Amino acid sequence: MKLKSAMLADAARVAENKLYVFGGQWDRVYTHSFPTTHPGLTVVLVIEVSYAEALRDHHLRVRLMRDGEPVGAEARGLINVGHAPGSTPGAPSYVPIALPFESLQFNRAGRYEWVVTLNDEPVGSIPLEVALAPGSMEQPADRGPVTGDGGPGGPWTA
């Protein structure tokens, strides 16, 4: 099995084995303070399953990591693909996957990554940089939470 494509998107869905991506292929979000909660994003994947690997269970795991350590968000599932009617013997199958995540908590700025594993083997990752918005000033930890919604569209910008 191979990870053929991976990206972050504002939203995505799979219908009739087609992948519909909205606002895809970004790697950075900004906020006005930390800790903060991102309202949501979708991890979008396309997995290639070889002809010989079809008709068996394969374990998929996608985890948000920082500095090699998990930071909470995770999805797990099984992939089991058959051979499409009329497909050429030996031809691979492609599995589109959309994994939505909501209310993601980030305690500090930095580089995060979504690590993708198939059958417990890492096959790829998607970087995500979380940073203070230009012009923002980090609030000292002893002053409590920031109030307000951060302006139009909330505290996040992509």
Protein backbone atom coordinates (compact mmCIF):
# COMPACT_ATOMS: atom_id res chain seq x y z
CA MET A 1 0.00 0.00 0.00
CA LYS A 2 1.13 3.50 -0.81
CA LEU A 3 0.06 6.97 0.19
CA LYS A 4 -0.43 8.63 -3.20
CA SER A 5 -1.76 11.99 -2.03
CA ALA A 6 -2.19 13.80 1.28
CA MET A 7 -3.31 17.34 2.16
CA LEU A 8 -5.18 19.48 4.62
CA ALA A 9 -8.45 21.07 3.54
CA ASP A 10 -11.18 23.25 4.96
CA ALA A 11 -13.59 20.43 4.11
CA ALA A 12 -13.77 17.32 1.94
CA ARG A 13 -16.07 14.40 1.28
CA VAL A 14 -16.10 11.16 -0.63
CA ALA A 15 -19.10 10.25 -2.78
CA GLU A 16 -19.25 7.43 -5.34
CA ASN A 17 -15.50 6.87 -4.92
CA LYS A 18 -14.83 10.49 -5.92
CA LEU A 19 -13.05 12.98 -3.69
CA TYR A 20 -14.52 16.48 -3.36
CA VAL A 21 -12.07 18.92 -1.71
CA PHE A 22 -12.94 22.45 -0.58
CA GLY A 23 -10.13 24.86 0.28
CA GLY A 24 -7.37 22.27 0.04
CA GLN A 25 -3.58 22.09 0.12
CA TRP A 26 -2.63 24.50 2.89
CA ASP A 27 -0.11 24.07 5.70
CA ARG A 28 -0.40 27.08 7.98
CA VAL A 29 -2.92 28.66 10.33
CA TYR A 30 -2.69 31.81 12.42
CA THR A 31 -4.24 32.70 15.74
CA HIS A 32 -4.20 35.76 18.00
CA SER A 33 -3.25 33.91 21.21
CA PHE A 34 -2.43 30.56 22.83
CA PRO A 35 -3.88 28.23 23.92
CA THR A 36 -6.46 28.28 21.17
CA THR A 37 -8.97 26.03 19.46
CA HIS A 38 -9.16 25.65 15.69
CA PRO A 39 -12.77 25.10 14.58
CA GLY A 40 -12.01 22.31 12.12
CA LEU A 41 -10.07 20.90 9.22
CA THR A 42 -10.08 17.76 7.11
CA VAL A 43 -7.18 15.40 6.47
CA VAL A 44 -7.49 14.22 2.86
CA LEU A 45 -5.76 11.04 1.67
CA VAL A 46 -5.60 8.84 -1.41
CA ILE A 47 -4.30 5.33 -0.75
CA GLU A 48 -3.11 3.01 -3.51
CA VAL A 49 -3.93 -0.65 -2.81
CA SER A 50 -2.08 -3.11 -5.04
CA TYR A 51 -3.97 -5.95 -6.67
CA ALA A 52 -2.29 -8.46 -4.32
CA GLU A 53 -3.18 -6.39 -1.21
CA ALA A 54 -6.90 -6.23 -2.05
CA LEU A 55 -9.50 -8.30 -0.18
CA ARG A 56 -7.58 -8.04 3.13
CA ASP A 57 -7.87 -5.74 6.13
CA HIS A 58 -5.30 -2.96 6.38
CA HIS A 59 -5.03 -0.72 9.45
CA LEU A 60 -4.97 3.04 8.89
CA ARG A 61 -3.96 5.50 11.59
CA VAL A 62 -3.66 9.29 11.32
CA ARG A 63 -2.28 11.18 14.33
CA LEU A 64 -1.46 14.80 15.07
CA MET A 65 2.12 14.96 16.37
CA ARG A 66 4.56 17.59 17.62
CA ASP A 67 8.23 16.81 18.13
CA GLY A 68 7.50 13.10 17.68
CA GLU A 69 4.86 13.04 20.43
CA PRO A 70 1.08 12.65 19.92
CA VAL A 71 -0.94 15.73 20.87
CA GLY A 72 -4.44 14.29 21.00
CA ALA A 73 -6.22 14.21 17.65
CA GLU A 74 -6.28 10.77 16.04
CA ALA A 75 -8.32 8.64 13.64
CA ARG A 76 -8.12 4.88 13.09
CA GLY A 77 -9.84 2.61 10.65
CA LEU A 78 -9.71 -0.45 8.45
CA ILE A 79 -9.32 -0.43 4.68
CA ASN A 80 -10.55 -3.47 2.79
CA VAL A 81 -10.85 -3.05 -0.97
CA GLY A 82 -12.03 -5.46 -3.62
CA HIS A 83 -11.32 -5.52 -7.33
CA ALA A 84 -13.55 -3.21 -9.36
CA PRO A 85 -15.74 -4.96 -11.94
CA GLY A 86 -13.97 -5.08 -15.29
CA SER A 87 -10.61 -4.02 -13.86
CA THR A 88 -7.46 -5.41 -15.44
CA PRO A 89 -5.89 -8.19 -13.36
CA GLY A 90 -2.91 -6.69 -11.56
CA ALA A 91 -4.26 -3.12 -11.62
CA PRO A 92 -4.23 -1.25 -8.28
CA SER A 93 -7.24 0.34 -6.63
CA TYR A 94 -7.31 3.86 -5.22
CA VAL A 95 -9.12 4.69 -2.00
CA PRO A 96 -10.07 8.33 -1.34
CA ILE A 97 -10.43 9.22 2.34
CA ALA A 98 -11.68 12.39 4.07
CA LEU A 99 -11.13 12.61 7.85
CA PRO A 100 -12.73 15.67 9.48
CA PHE A 101 -11.39 16.93 12.82
CA GLU A 102 -13.23 19.54 14.88
CA SER A 103 -12.24 21.75 17.82
CA LEU A 104 -8.51 21.08 17.65
CA GLN A 105 -6.68 22.43 20.69
CA PHE A 106 -3.23 23.98 20.25
CA ASN A 107 -1.35 25.04 23.38
CA ARG A 108 1.59 26.70 21.66
CA ALA A 109 2.93 27.84 18.33
CA GLY A 110 5.13 25.57 16.25
CA ARG A 111 5.36 22.91 13.62
CA TYR A 112 2.93 20.03 13.92
CA GLU A 113 2.41 17.13 11.54
CA TRP A 114 -0.30 14.64 10.76
CA VAL A 115 1.48 11.27 10.61
CA VAL A 116 -0.13 8.58 8.42
CA THR A 117 0.57 4.91 9.10
CA LEU A 118 -0.66 1.82 7.27
CA ASN A 119 -0.36 -1.50 9.07
CA ASP A 120 1.75 0.26 11.75
CA GLU A 121 4.30 1.50 9.17
CA PRO A 122 4.70 5.26 8.59
CA VAL A 123 3.88 6.09 4.97
CA GLY A 124 3.81 9.87 5.05
CA SER A 125 2.99 13.05 6.91
CA ILE A 126 1.28 16.39 6.36
CA PRO A 127 2.93 19.45 7.94
CA LEU A 128 0.94 22.08 9.82
CA GLU A 129 2.51 25.30 11.07
CA VAL A 130 0.54 27.01 13.86
CA ALA A 131 1.63 30.61 14.47
CA LEU A 132 0.63 33.93 15.95
CA ALA A 133 -1.02 36.17 13.39
CA PRO A 134 1.20 39.04 12.24
CA GLY A 135 0.78 41.97 14.62
CA SER A 136 -0.55 39.79 17.45
CA MET A 137 1.02 39.93 20.86
CA GLU A 138 1.10 36.79 22.97
CA GLN A 139 -0.72 37.31 26.25
CA PRO A 140 1.31 36.45 29.38
CA ALA A 141 0.18 33.15 30.91
CA ASP A 142 -0.72 34.76 34.28
CA ARG A 143 -3.28 37.19 32.77
CA GLY A 144 -5.93 34.62 31.92
CA PRO A 145 -7.74 33.92 28.67
CA VAL A 146 -8.30 36.42 25.90
CA THR A 147 -11.92 37.52 25.57
CA GLY A 148 -13.72 38.26 22.33
CA ASP A 149 -13.86 36.40 19.06
CA GLY A 150 -10.78 37.85 17.32
CA GLY A 151 -12.81 39.86 14.81
CA PRO A 152 -14.60 38.81 11.62
CA GLY A 153 -14.39 35.07 11.02
CA GLY A 154 -13.19 34.30 14.56
CA PRO A 155 -9.61 34.07 15.82
CA TRP A 156 -8.30 31.95 12.90
CA THR A 157 -7.03 32.82 9.48
CA ALA A 158 -5.55 30.46 6.92
